[in-house]
Amino acid sequence: MIRKHSATLHGHRTSFSLEDEFWAELKTIAASRSMPFAALISEIDDHRPAESNLSSALRLHVLSWLKAGGDCQP
């Protein structure tokens, strides 16, 4: 199921839609990197191409992380 989530990035609120499985993997990534979840989202947002949206960037980050065996940074 896709759910809408909100976050504050660099002082402004934004929202993105993610399937529960991607949400869970992002939490796992943040925990494995010993960083706050919001910091991970912000980092991914900072490194995404200007033409992509945040939801897609988050999904692609999870995919890259999993393909790299859990060792991927933006």
N, C-alpha and C. Protein backbone atom coordinates (compact mmCIF):
# COMPACT_ATOMS: atom_id res chain seq x y z
N MET A 1 0.84 -1.18 0.00
CA MET A 1 0.00 0.00 0.00
C MET A 1 0.88 1.25 0.00
N ILE A 2 0.51 2.21 -0.80
CA ILE A 2 1.23 3.48 -0.85
C ILE A 2 0.65 4.41 0.20
N ARG A 3 1.54 5.03 0.96
CA ARG A 3 1.12 5.99 1.99
C ARG A 3 1.84 7.31 1.76
N LYS A 4 1.16 8.38 2.10
CA LYS A 4 1.74 9.71 2.01
C LYS A 4 2.45 10.01 3.34
N HIS A 5 3.66 10.53 3.25
CA HIS A 5 4.45 10.87 4.43
C HIS A 5 4.89 12.32 4.30
N SER A 6 5.14 12.96 5.42
CA SER A 6 5.61 14.34 5.44
C SER A 6 6.93 14.41 6.18
N ALA A 7 7.74 15.37 5.77
CA ALA A 7 9.03 15.59 6.42
C ALA A 7 9.39 17.06 6.29
N THR A 8 10.23 17.53 7.19
CA THR A 8 10.77 18.87 7.10
C THR A 8 12.20 18.76 6.59
N LEU A 9 12.45 19.34 5.43
CA LEU A 9 13.77 19.31 4.81
C LEU A 9 14.26 20.74 4.66
N HIS A 10 15.35 21.05 5.31
CA HIS A 10 15.94 22.39 5.24
C HIS A 10 14.93 23.47 5.61
N GLY A 11 14.12 23.18 6.61
CA GLY A 11 13.19 24.17 7.14
C GLY A 11 11.85 24.27 6.42
N HIS A 12 11.61 23.46 5.42
CA HIS A 12 10.30 23.51 4.77
C HIS A 12 9.68 22.12 4.73
N ARG A 13 8.36 22.09 4.83
CA ARG A 13 7.64 20.82 4.83
C ARG A 13 7.47 20.33 3.40
N THR A 14 7.61 19.04 3.24
CA THR A 14 7.37 18.41 1.96
C THR A 14 6.69 17.07 2.20
N SER A 15 6.10 16.52 1.18
CA SER A 15 5.48 15.22 1.33
C SER A 15 5.90 14.34 0.17
N PHE A 16 5.80 13.05 0.40
CA PHE A 16 6.15 12.06 -0.61
C PHE A 16 5.32 10.82 -0.36
N SER A 17 5.13 10.04 -1.40
CA SER A 17 4.34 8.82 -1.30
C SER A 17 5.24 7.62 -1.49
N LEU A 18 5.14 6.67 -0.57
CA LEU A 18 5.96 5.46 -0.64
C LEU A 18 5.17 4.24 -0.20
N GLU A 19 5.48 3.12 -0.79
CA GLU A 19 4.94 1.85 -0.33
C GLU A 19 5.55 1.54 1.04
N ASP A 20 4.81 0.80 1.85
CA ASP A 20 5.27 0.46 3.20
C ASP A 20 6.63 -0.24 3.18
N GLU A 21 6.87 -1.08 2.17
CA GLU A 21 8.13 -1.82 2.10
C GLU A 21 9.32 -0.88 1.91
N PHE A 22 9.15 0.15 1.09
CA PHE A 22 10.24 1.12 0.90
C PHE A 22 10.46 1.93 2.17
N TRP A 23 9.38 2.29 2.84
CA TRP A 23 9.47 3.02 4.11
C TRP A 23 10.27 2.21 5.12
N ALA A 24 9.97 0.93 5.22
CA ALA A 24 10.67 0.06 6.17
C ALA A 24 12.15 -0.05 5.82
N GLU A 25 12.47 -0.18 4.53
CA GLU A 25 13.87 -0.29 4.12
C GLU A 25 14.62 1.00 4.40
N LEU A 26 13.99 2.15 4.19
CA LEU A 26 14.66 3.42 4.50
C LEU A 26 14.97 3.52 5.99
N LYS A 27 14.06 3.06 6.82
CA LYS A 27 14.32 3.06 8.27
C LYS A 27 15.50 2.13 8.60
N THR A 28 15.57 0.99 7.92
CA THR A 28 16.69 0.06 8.12
C THR A 28 18.01 0.70 7.69
N ILE A 29 17.99 1.39 6.57
CA ILE A 29 19.20 2.06 6.08
C ILE A 29 19.67 3.11 7.08
N ALA A 30 18.75 3.94 7.56
CA ALA A 30 19.11 4.97 8.54
C ALA A 30 19.70 4.33 9.80
N ALA A 31 19.08 3.28 10.28
CA ALA A 31 19.57 2.61 11.49
C ALA A 31 20.95 2.00 11.26
N SER A 32 21.15 1.39 10.10
CA SER A 32 22.45 0.76 9.83
C SER A 32 23.56 1.79 9.67
N ARG A 33 23.20 3.00 9.29
CA ARG A 33 24.17 4.08 9.15
C ARG A 33 24.25 4.93 10.42
N SER A 34 23.51 4.55 11.44
CA SER A 34 23.47 5.26 12.73
C SER A 34 23.17 6.74 12.53
N MET A 35 22.15 7.00 11.74
CA MET A 35 21.79 8.39 11.51
C MET A 35 20.28 8.56 11.68
N PRO A 36 19.84 9.75 12.03
CA PRO A 36 18.40 9.98 12.15
C PRO A 36 17.72 9.76 10.79
N PHE A 37 16.50 9.25 10.84
CA PHE A 37 15.74 9.00 9.63
C PHE A 37 15.60 10.28 8.79
N ALA A 38 15.28 11.39 9.45
CA ALA A 38 15.10 12.66 8.73
C ALA A 38 16.39 13.08 8.03
N ALA A 39 17.54 12.79 8.63
CA ALA A 39 18.81 13.14 8.00
C ALA A 39 19.04 12.33 6.74
N LEU A 40 18.64 11.07 6.76
CA LEU A 40 18.77 10.24 5.55
C LEU A 40 17.89 10.79 4.43
N ILE A 41 16.66 11.12 4.74
CA ILE A 41 15.74 11.66 3.73
C ILE A 41 16.32 12.96 3.16
N SER A 42 16.84 13.80 4.02
CA SER A 42 17.43 15.07 3.59
C SER A 42 18.65 14.84 2.71
N GLU A 43 19.48 13.88 3.06
CA GLU A 43 20.67 13.56 2.28
C GLU A 43 20.29 13.08 0.88
N ILE A 44 19.30 12.21 0.81
CA ILE A 44 18.84 11.70 -0.48
C ILE A 44 18.27 12.85 -1.31
N ASP A 45 17.49 13.70 -0.67
CA ASP A 45 16.91 14.86 -1.35
C ASP A 45 18.00 15.77 -1.91
N ASP A 46 19.04 16.00 -1.13
CA ASP A 46 20.14 16.88 -1.56
C ASP A 46 20.88 16.34 -2.77
N HIS A 47 20.91 15.03 -2.94
CA HIS A 47 21.70 14.42 -4.01
C HIS A 47 20.88 13.95 -5.21
N ARG A 48 19.58 14.17 -5.18
CA ARG A 48 18.76 13.69 -6.31
C ARG A 48 18.87 14.66 -7.48
N PRO A 49 18.73 14.14 -8.69
CA PRO A 49 18.72 15.00 -9.86
C PRO A 49 17.55 15.99 -9.80
N ALA A 50 17.76 17.17 -10.30
CA ALA A 50 16.73 18.21 -10.24
C ALA A 50 15.43 17.79 -10.93
N GLU A 51 15.54 16.96 -11.96
CA GLU A 51 14.34 16.57 -12.71
C GLU A 51 13.58 15.40 -12.07
N SER A 52 14.09 14.82 -11.01
CA SER A 52 13.40 13.69 -10.38
C SER A 52 12.60 14.18 -9.18
N ASN A 53 11.62 13.39 -8.79
CA ASN A 53 10.87 13.77 -7.59
C ASN A 53 11.41 12.98 -6.39
N LEU A 54 11.07 13.44 -5.21
CA LEU A 54 11.61 12.85 -3.99
C LEU A 54 11.18 11.40 -3.82
N SER A 55 9.94 11.08 -4.12
CA SER A 55 9.46 9.70 -3.97
C SER A 55 10.29 8.75 -4.82
N SER A 56 10.54 9.12 -6.06
CA SER A 56 11.35 8.28 -6.95
C SER A 56 12.78 8.17 -6.44
N ALA A 57 13.34 9.29 -5.99
CA ALA A 57 14.72 9.28 -5.48
C ALA A 57 14.84 8.35 -4.27
N LEU A 58 13.85 8.35 -3.41
CA LEU A 58 13.87 7.46 -2.24
C LEU A 58 13.81 6.00 -2.66
N ARG A 59 12.94 5.68 -3.60
CA ARG A 59 12.84 4.29 -4.09
C ARG A 59 14.15 3.85 -4.74
N LEU A 60 14.73 4.72 -5.56
CA LEU A 60 15.98 4.38 -6.23
C LEU A 60 17.12 4.21 -5.24
N HIS A 61 17.10 4.99 -4.17
CA HIS A 61 18.13 4.84 -3.13
C HIS A 61 18.01 3.47 -2.46
N VAL A 62 16.80 3.07 -2.15
CA VAL A 62 16.60 1.75 -1.56
C VAL A 62 17.08 0.67 -2.52
N LEU A 63 16.72 0.78 -3.78
CA LEU A 63 17.16 -0.20 -4.77
C LEU A 63 18.68 -0.27 -4.85
N SER A 64 19.33 0.89 -4.91
CA SER A 64 20.79 0.92 -4.96
C SER A 64 21.41 0.30 -3.71
N TRP A 65 20.83 0.60 -2.56
CA TRP A 65 21.30 0.08 -1.29
C TRP A 65 21.24 -1.46 -1.29
N LEU A 66 20.11 -1.98 -1.72
CA LEU A 66 19.94 -3.42 -1.73
C LEU A 66 20.84 -4.10 -2.75
N LYS A 67 21.00 -3.48 -3.92
CA LYS A 67 21.86 -4.06 -4.96
C LYS A 67 23.33 -4.03 -4.53
N ALA A 68 23.70 -3.04 -3.73
CA ALA A 68 25.07 -2.92 -3.25
C ALA A 68 25.32 -3.76 -2.00
N GLY A 69 24.34 -4.51 -1.60
CA GLY A 69 24.50 -5.35 -0.42
C GLY A 69 24.48 -4.57 0.87
N GLY A 70 23.80 -3.43 0.87
CA GLY A 70 23.67 -2.64 2.09
C GLY A 70 24.81 -1.68 2.32
N ASP A 71 25.42 -1.21 1.25
CA ASP A 71 26.56 -0.30 1.41
C ASP A 71 26.51 0.78 0.34
N CYS A 72 25.46 1.58 0.37
CA CYS A 72 25.28 2.61 -0.65
C CYS A 72 25.04 3.94 0.00
N GLN A 73 25.69 4.97 -0.48
CA GLN A 73 25.42 6.33 -0.05
C GLN A 73 25.13 7.12 -1.31
N PRO A 74 24.32 8.17 -1.18
CA PRO A 74 23.94 8.93 -2.37
C PRO A 74 25.12 9.52 -3.12
